[in-house]
Protein backbone atom coordinates (compact mmCIF):
# COMPACT_ATOMS: atom_id res chain seq x y z
CA UNK A 1 6.00 1.67 -15.40
CA UNK A 2 6.34 4.31 -12.76
CA UNK A 3 4.07 7.33 -12.87
CA UNK A 4 4.34 10.61 -10.98
CA UNK A 5 1.27 12.83 -11.02
CA UNK A 6 1.34 16.61 -11.25
CA UNK A 7 -0.68 17.05 -8.03
CA UNK A 8 -0.89 15.08 -4.79
CA UNK A 9 -4.49 15.65 -3.73
CA UNK A 10 -7.11 12.95 -3.23
CA UNK A 11 -9.16 14.04 -6.24
CA UNK A 12 -6.20 13.71 -8.60
CA UNK A 13 -5.42 10.23 -7.29
CA UNK A 14 -9.05 9.12 -7.55
CA UNK A 15 -9.40 10.48 -11.10
CA UNK A 16 -6.18 8.81 -12.21
CA UNK A 17 -7.16 5.44 -10.71
CA UNK A 18 -10.61 5.53 -12.33
CA UNK A 19 -9.10 6.58 -15.67
CA UNK A 20 -6.30 4.01 -15.69
CA UNK A 21 -8.68 1.16 -14.83
CA UNK A 22 -10.09 1.54 -18.36
CA UNK A 23 -6.76 0.57 -20.00
CA UNK A 24 -6.85 -3.22 -20.61
CA UNK A 25 -3.06 -3.59 -20.87
CA UNK A 26 -2.65 -2.32 -17.29
CA UNK A 27 -2.87 -5.48 -15.18
CA UNK A 28 -1.88 -4.08 -11.78
CA UNK A 29 -1.77 -0.60 -10.28
CA UNK A 30 -0.09 0.10 -6.95
CA UNK A 31 -0.08 3.49 -5.24
CA UNK A 32 3.27 4.08 -3.56
CA UNK A 33 4.57 6.20 -0.70
CA UNK A 34 7.00 8.81 -2.01
CA UNK A 35 8.07 9.22 -5.60
CA UNK A 36 6.83 7.87 -7.98
CA UNK A 37 3.15 7.90 -7.09
CA UNK A 38 2.23 4.68 -8.92
CA UNK A 39 3.75 1.44 -10.13
CA UNK A 40 1.88 -0.07 -13.07
CA UNK A 41 2.41 -3.58 -14.40
CA UNK A 42 1.41 -3.86 -18.02
CA UNK A 43 1.20 -6.71 -20.51
CA UNK A 44 1.72 -6.05 -24.23
CA UNK A 45 2.42 -8.15 -27.31
CA UNK A 46 5.74 -6.61 -28.35
CA UNK A 47 7.97 -3.53 -28.09
CA UNK A 48 5.94 -1.59 -30.67
CA UNK A 49 2.78 -2.20 -28.62
CA UNK A 50 4.63 -1.10 -25.49
CA UNK A 51 5.77 2.11 -27.18
CA UNK A 52 2.23 2.87 -28.38
CA UNK A 53 0.79 2.18 -24.93
CA UNK A 54 3.35 4.41 -23.24
CA UNK A 55 3.33 7.30 -25.71
CA UNK A 56 -0.29 7.36 -26.84
CA UNK A 57 -2.32 6.04 -23.91
CA UNK A 58 -0.42 6.60 -20.67
CA UNK A 59 1.83 9.64 -21.09
CA UNK A 60 -1.13 11.65 -22.38
CA UNK A 61 -3.46 10.89 -19.44
CA UNK A 62 -4.64 13.89 -17.43
CA UNK A 63 -2.47 14.51 -14.38
CA UNK A 64 0.58 12.51 -15.55
CA UNK A 65 3.68 14.60 -14.93
CA UNK A 66 6.38 11.97 -15.46
CA UNK A 67 6.38 8.40 -16.72
CA UNK A 68 9.41 6.10 -16.57
CA UNK A 69 9.60 2.56 -17.86
CA UNK A 70 11.52 -0.58 -17.09
CA UNK A 71 11.23 -3.77 -19.11
CA UNK A 72 12.00 -7.11 -17.42
CA UNK A 73 14.60 -9.22 -19.20
CA UNK A 74 13.44 -12.45 -17.56
CA UNK A 75 11.58 -13.70 -14.51
CA UNK A 76 13.47 -15.17 -11.59
CA UNK A 77 12.03 -18.39 -10.23
CA UNK A 78 13.54 -17.79 -6.79
CA UNK A 79 11.08 -17.02 -4.02
CA UNK A 80 12.46 -15.24 -0.97
CA UNK A 81 10.06 -15.04 1.99
CA UNK A 82 10.13 -11.95 4.15
CA UNK A 83 8.68 -11.44 7.62
CA UNK A 84 8.10 -8.08 9.13
CA UNK A 85 5.90 -6.35 11.65
CA UNK A 86 3.68 -3.37 11.06
CA UNK A 87 1.81 -1.26 13.61
CA UNK A 88 -1.78 -0.56 12.54
CA UNK A 89 -3.95 1.61 14.79
CA UNK A 90 -1.69 0.84 17.73
CA UNK A 91 -1.78 -2.95 17.17
CA UNK A 92 1.36 -4.81 16.15
CA UNK A 93 0.68 -7.20 13.27
CA UNK A 94 2.97 -9.78 11.69
CA UNK A 95 3.23 -9.37 7.95
CA UNK A 96 4.39 -12.29 5.82
CA UNK A 97 5.16 -11.59 2.18
CA UNK A 98 6.37 -14.08 -0.39
CA UNK A 99 8.01 -13.13 -3.68
CA UNK A 100 5.29 -14.98 -5.56
CA UNK A 101 2.40 -14.03 -3.31
CA UNK A 102 -0.57 -12.38 -4.94
CA UNK A 103 -1.78 -11.07 -1.62
CA UNK A 104 -0.65 -10.41 1.89
CA UNK A 105 -1.49 -12.72 4.77
CA UNK A 106 -1.87 -11.25 8.23
CA UNK A 107 -1.31 -13.29 11.37
């Protein structure tokens, strides 16, 4: 699910993150640059549970302006590694990300 909040200040983000952490079906929350503000990965039993989660628990949260949903049809088993570089505080760091990685490894 992608969520856009109605305001972009630090307090709104902090309140949303604290609030959404109380929803057990939300397994991962990522704050994004640009629009939308958040990408949520949720796990539910079936489509009726998904609809209830979306309509009754997430769309009604304070600060939620827009909520869009995408449901995966299947999971690809292909892993495509990606290497990139990122400058952090003036230091160039290699960033290696794998399609199945749960974290990011810095070198």
